[in-house]
C-alpha atoms as a PDB file:
ATOM      1  CA  MET A   1     -78.823 -10.827  77.325  1.00  0.00           C
ATOM      2  CA  MET A   2     -77.065  -7.811  76.133  1.00  0.00           C
ATOM      3  CA  SER A   3     -76.976  -6.437  79.556  1.00  0.00           C
ATOM      4  CA  ASN A   4     -75.017  -9.431  80.917  1.00  0.00           C
ATOM      5  CA  ARG A   5     -72.339  -9.144  78.316  1.00  0.00           C
ATOM      6  CA  SER A   6     -71.925  -5.482  78.604  1.00  0.00           C
ATOM      7  CA  PRO A   7     -70.661  -5.376  82.194  1.00  0.00           C
ATOM      8  CA  PHE A   8     -68.341  -8.364  81.501  1.00  0.00           C
ATOM      9  CA  ILE A   9     -66.786  -6.619  78.500  1.00  0.00           C
ATOM     10  CA  GLN A  10     -66.450  -3.395  80.419  1.00  0.00           C
ATOM     11  CA  ARG A  11     -64.749  -5.218  83.291  1.00  0.00           C
ATOM     12  CA  LEU A  12     -62.478  -7.022  80.836  1.00  0.00           C
ATOM     13  CA  ILE A  13     -61.469  -3.765  79.175  1.00  0.00           C
ATOM     14  CA  ARG A  14     -60.713  -2.170  82.561  1.00  0.00           C
ATOM     15  CA  SER A  15     -58.747  -5.210  83.711  1.00  0.00           C
ATOM     16  CA  ARG A  16     -54.990  -4.890  84.139  1.00  0.00           C
ATOM     17  CA  TYR A  17     -54.396  -8.408  82.836  1.00  0.00           C
ATOM     18  CA  LEU A  18     -55.688  -7.419  79.433  1.00  0.00           C
ATOM     19  CA  MET A  19     -53.349  -4.460  79.414  1.00  0.00           C
ATOM     20  CA  VAL A  20     -50.356  -6.671  80.289  1.00  0.00           C
ATOM     21  CA  VAL A  21     -51.334  -9.155  77.570  1.00  0.00           C
ATOM     22  CA  ASN A  22     -51.682  -6.314  75.060  1.00  0.00           C
ATOM     23  CA  VAL A  23     -48.273  -4.909  76.011  1.00  0.00           C
ATOM     24  CA  LEU A  24     -46.682  -8.370  75.650  1.00  0.00           C
ATOM     25  CA  VAL A  25     -48.292  -8.884  72.229  1.00  0.00           C
ATOM     26  CA  ILE A  26     -47.089  -5.443  71.080  1.00  0.00           C
ATOM     27  CA  LEU A  27     -43.559  -6.182  72.338  1.00  0.00           C
ATOM     28  CA  PHE A  28     -43.542  -9.542  70.555  1.00  0.00           C
ATOM     29  CA  LEU A  29     -44.740  -7.973  67.309  1.00  0.00           C
ATOM     30  CA  GLY A  30     -42.174  -5.153  67.639  1.00  0.00           C
ATOM     31  CA  MET A  31     -39.300  -7.607  68.170  1.00  0.00           C
ATOM     32  CA  SER A  32     -40.443  -9.696  65.220  1.00  0.00           C
ATOM     33  CA  LEU A  33     -40.627  -6.609  63.023  1.00  0.00           C
ATOM     34  CA  GLY A  34     -37.141  -5.535  64.171  1.00  0.00           C
ATOM     35  CA  ARG A  35     -35.648  -8.957  63.394  1.00  0.00           C
ATOM     36  CA  GLU A  36     -37.232  -8.998  59.956  1.00  0.00           C
ATOM     37  CA  THR A  37     -35.958  -5.474  59.253  1.00  0.00           C
ATOM     38  CA  VAL A  38     -32.406  -6.451  60.222  1.00  0.00           C
ATOM     39  CA  ARG A  39     -32.612  -9.627  58.142  1.00  0.00           C
ATOM     40  CA  SER A  40     -34.009  -7.681  55.181  1.00  0.00           C
ATOM     41  CA  ARG A  41     -31.119  -5.192  55.325  1.00  0.00           C
ATOM     42  CA  ALA A  42     -28.572  -8.037  55.524  1.00  0.00           C
ATOM     43  CA  ILE A  43     -30.141  -9.691  52.483  1.00  0.00           C
ATOM     44  CA  ASP A  44     -30.121  -6.366  50.609  1.00  0.00           C
ATOM     45  CA  ALA A  45     -26.411  -5.947  51.429  1.00  0.00           C
ATOM     46  CA  GLN A  46     -25.683  -9.471  50.172  1.00  0.00           C
ATOM     47  CA  ILE A  47     -27.622  -8.783  46.990  1.00  0.00           C
ATOM     48  CA  ALA A  48     -25.645  -5.571  46.415  1.00  0.00           C
ATOM     49  CA  ASP A  49     -22.349  -7.405  47.026  1.00  0.00           C
ATOM     50  CA  LEU A  50     -23.271 -10.237  44.672  1.00  0.00           C
ATOM     51  CA  GLN A  51     -24.429  -7.755  42.040  1.00  0.00           C
ATOM     52  CA  ALA A  52     -21.099  -5.900  42.259  1.00  0.00           C
ATOM     53  CA  ARG A  53     -19.213  -9.203  41.919  1.00  0.00           C
ATOM     54  CA  ALA A  54     -21.389 -10.168  38.961  1.00  0.00           C
ATOM     55  CA  ASP A  55     -20.652  -6.819  37.309  1.00  0.00           C
ATOM     56  CA  ASN A  56     -16.903  -7.299  37.850  1.00  0.00           C
ATOM     57  CA  LEU A  57     -17.051 -10.815  36.435  1.00  0.00           C
ATOM     58  CA  THR A  58     -18.980  -9.539  33.428  1.00  0.00           C
ATOM     59  CA  LYS A  59     -16.308  -6.887  32.816  1.00  0.00           C
ATOM     60  CA  ASP A  60     -13.528  -9.481  33.194  1.00  0.00           C
ATOM     61  CA  ASN A  61     -15.338 -11.832  30.846  1.00  0.00           C
ATOM     62  CA  GLN A  62     -15.738  -9.071  28.276  1.00  0.00           C
ATOM     63  CA  ALA A  63     -12.037  -8.201  28.548  1.00  0.00           C
ATOM     64  CA  MET A  64     -11.089 -11.857  28.080  1.00  0.00           C
ATOM     65  CA  LEU A  65     -13.332 -12.155  25.036  1.00  0.00           C
ATOM     66  CA  GLU A  66     -11.738  -9.046  23.529  1.00  0.00           C
ATOM     67  CA  LEU A  67      -8.265 -10.433  24.238  1.00  0.00           C
ATOM     68  CA  GLN A  68      -9.211 -13.785  22.717  1.00  0.00           C
ATOM     69  CA  THR A  69     -10.544 -12.043  19.624  1.00  0.00           C
ATOM     70  CA  ALA A  70      -7.381  -9.926  19.382  1.00  0.00           C
ATOM     71  CA  MET A  71      -5.141 -12.964  19.821  1.00  0.00           C
ATOM     72  CA  GLN A  72      -6.813 -14.740  16.925  1.00  0.00           C
ATOM     73  CA  THR A  73      -6.071 -11.970  14.447  1.00  0.00           C
ATOM     74  CA  GLU A  74      -3.274 -12.394  11.945  1.00  0.00           C
ATOM     75  CA  SER A  75      -1.591  -9.123  12.936  1.00  0.00           C
ATOM     76  CA  PHE A  76      -1.345 -10.168  16.601  1.00  0.00           C
ATOM     77  CA  ILE A  77       0.139 -13.544  15.736  1.00  0.00           C
ATOM     78  CA  GLU A  78       2.643 -11.905  13.391  1.00  0.00           C
ATOM     79  CA  ARG A  79       3.632  -9.295  15.970  1.00  0.00           C
ATOM     80  CA  GLU A  80       4.138 -11.933  18.681  1.00  0.00           C
ATOM     81  CA  ALA A  81       6.229 -14.065  16.309  1.00  0.00           C
ATOM     82  CA  ARG A  82       8.418 -11.068  15.550  1.00  0.00           C
ATOM     83  CA  LEU A  83       8.827  -9.922  19.156  1.00  0.00           C
ATOM     84  CA  LYS A  84       9.064 -13.178  21.058  1.00  0.00           C
ATOM     85  CA  LEU A  85      10.477 -15.593  18.520  1.00  0.00           C
ATOM     86  CA  GLY A  86      12.617 -13.172  16.519  1.00  0.00           C
ATOM     87  CA  LEU A  87      11.059 -14.243  13.209  1.00  0.00           C
ATOM     88  CA  LYS A  88      10.965 -12.101  10.094  1.00  0.00           C
ATOM     89  CA  LYS A  89       9.251 -12.202   6.737  1.00  0.00           C
ATOM     90  CA  PRO A  90      11.209 -13.289   3.681  1.00  0.00           C
ATOM     91  CA  GLY A  91      13.066 -10.352   2.170  1.00  0.00           C
ATOM     92  CA  GLU A  92      13.064  -8.261   5.354  1.00  0.00           C
ATOM     93  CA  THR A  93      16.240  -7.034   6.974  1.00  0.00           C
ATOM     94  CA  VAL A  94      16.458  -6.902  10.760  1.00  0.00           C
ATOM     95  CA  VAL A  95      18.408  -4.044  12.317  1.00  0.00           C
ATOM     96  CA  VAL A  96      19.518  -4.276  15.951  1.00  0.00           C
ATOM     97  CA  LEU A  97      20.491  -1.041  17.686  1.00  0.00           C
ATOM     98  CA  ARG A  98      22.926  -1.506  20.552  1.00  0.00           C
ATOM     99  CA  ASP A  99      24.234   0.785  23.221  1.00  0.00           C
ATOM    100  CA  ASP A 100      27.877   1.898  22.799  1.00  0.00           C
ATOM    101  CA  GLU A 101      28.515   1.174  26.479  1.00  0.00           C
ATOM    102  CA  GLN A 102      27.392  -2.418  26.028  1.00  0.00           C
ATOM    103  CA  ASP A 103      29.655  -2.805  22.984  1.00  0.00           C
ATOM    104  CA  GLN A 104      32.689  -1.661  24.954  1.00  0.00           C
ATOM    105  CA  ALA A 105      31.822  -3.893  27.920  1.00  0.00           C
ATOM    106  CA  GLN A 106      31.400  -6.938  25.680  1.00  0.00           C
ATOM    107  CA  GLY A 107      34.676  -6.523  23.841  1.00  0.00           C
ATOM    108  CA  GLU A 108      35.464  -7.672  20.343  1.00  0.00           C
ATOM    109  CA  GLU A 109      35.690 -11.449  21.002  1.00  0.00           C
ATOM    110  CA  THR A 110      31.911 -11.967  20.971  1.00  0.00           C
ATOM    111  CA  ASP A 111      29.897 -12.619  17.857  1.00  0.00           C
ATOM    112  CA  PRO A 112      27.323  -9.773  17.614  1.00  0.00           C
ATOM    113  CA  THR A 113      24.847 -11.996  15.778  1.00  0.00           C
ATOM    114  CA  ASP A 114      24.772 -14.544  18.611  1.00  0.00           C
ATOM    115  CA  PRO A 115      22.270 -13.483  21.305  1.00  0.00           C
ATOM    116  CA  LEU A 116      23.763 -15.986  23.746  1.00  0.00           C
ATOM    117  CA  HIS A 117      26.821 -13.771  24.296  1.00  0.00           C
ATOM    118  CA  TYR A 118      24.588 -11.475  26.361  1.00  0.00           C
ATOM    119  CA  VAL A 119      24.153 -14.281  28.873  1.00  0.00           C
ATOM    120  CA  ILE A 120      27.300 -16.443  28.771  1.00  0.00           C
ATOM    121  CA  ASP A 121      30.853 -15.179  28.449  1.00  0.00           C
ATOM    122  CA  PRO A 122      32.297 -17.261  25.565  1.00  0.00           C
ATOM    123  CA  SER A 123      35.854 -17.249  26.938  1.00  0.00           C
ATOM    124  CA  THR A 124      34.969 -18.735  30.332  1.00  0.00           C
ATOM    125  CA  GLY A 125      31.557 -20.331  29.794  1.00  0.00           C
ATOM    126  CA  ASN A 126      30.332 -18.529  32.917  1.00  0.00           C
ATOM    127  CA  PRO A 127      27.612 -15.887  33.156  1.00  0.00           C
ATOM    128  CA  ALA A 128      28.636 -12.569  31.638  1.00  0.00           C
ATOM    129  CA  ASP A 129      29.259  -9.833  34.212  1.00  0.00           C
ATOM    130  CA  GLY A 130      26.104  -7.897  35.011  1.00  0.00           C
ATOM    131  CA  MET A 131      24.098  -9.656  32.339  1.00  0.00           C
ATOM    132  CA  GLN A 132      20.797 -11.430  32.627  1.00  0.00           C
ATOM    133  CA  THR A 133      21.211 -15.167  33.240  1.00  0.00           C
ATOM    134  CA  ASP A 134      17.753 -16.351  32.161  1.00  0.00           C
ATOM    135  CA  ILE A 135      17.149 -17.458  28.593  1.00  0.00           C
ATOM    136  CA  GLY A 136      13.633 -17.784  27.218  1.00  0.00           C
ATOM    137  CA  ASN A 137      12.282 -21.087  25.986  1.00  0.00           C
ATOM    138  CA  PRO A 138      11.910 -19.966  22.342  1.00  0.00           C
ATOM    139  CA  LEU A 139      15.637 -19.185  22.214  1.00  0.00           C
ATOM    140  CA  LYS A 140      16.465 -22.503  23.825  1.00  0.00           C
ATOM    141  CA  TRP A 141      14.419 -24.349  21.215  1.00  0.00           C
ATOM    142  CA  TRP A 142      16.093 -22.354  18.461  1.00  0.00           C
ATOM    143  CA  TYR A 143      19.499 -23.471  19.679  1.00  0.00           C
ATOM    144  CA  TYR A 144      18.268 -27.037  20.124  1.00  0.00           C
ATOM    145  CA  PHE A 145      17.202 -27.317  16.487  1.00  0.00           C
ATOM    146  CA  PHE A 146      19.708 -25.074  14.686  1.00  0.00           C
ATOM    147  CA  ASP A 147      22.856 -24.781  16.811  1.00  0.00           C
ATOM    148  CA  LYS A 148      23.548 -27.925  18.837  1.00  0.00           C
ATOM    149  CA  SER A 149      26.946 -26.805  20.129  1.00  0.00           C
ATOM    150  CA  THR A 150      25.527 -23.604  21.623  1.00  0.00           C
ATOM    151  CA  PHE A 151      22.629 -25.581  23.050  1.00  0.00           C
ATOM    152  CA  ASN A 152      25.070 -28.018  24.662  1.00  0.00           C
ATOM    153  CA  ASP A 153      27.046 -25.073  26.134  1.00  0.00           C
ATOM    154  CA  LEU A 154      23.796 -23.658  27.455  1.00  0.00           C
ATOM    155  CA  VAL A 155      22.773 -26.970  29.033  1.00  0.00           C
ATOM    156  CA  ALA A 156      26.227 -27.339  30.593  1.00  0.00           C
ATOM    157  CA  TYR A 157      25.910 -23.806  32.012  1.00  0.00           C
ATOM    158  CA  GLU A 158      22.515 -24.475  33.570  1.00  0.00           C
END
């Protein structure tokens, strides 16, 4: 029995068909391995990209939390009220330093305590020459509540 199988196996091993089948199987396995390697590298690149984005979002989130914490402090609120709304504490004196060139350009007919004269020429009601024409909302509200005539001039100008 062994003798019958032995020549068959030897003929099968020597056969060219077996060699072709083996080469095809090796090529198939090699192509599969190559595809999986390419796919693995693409997934690794995506993971690295997503990790970098996650790190950036974590940094942004941390910066926003720090800003939120800073904005809730009393000193920040006070500083913003002073800078943007022009408020002061009771008993404080506000000093405004102006450029001499601006004083000469404005002339003596403007009221130096009125910040609107930087924007609107009081004699004509038109924009002052070379001056900024935008007025912030806090200043507009101030005029709305405390100086109706100036607010009306401002609305007429806009």
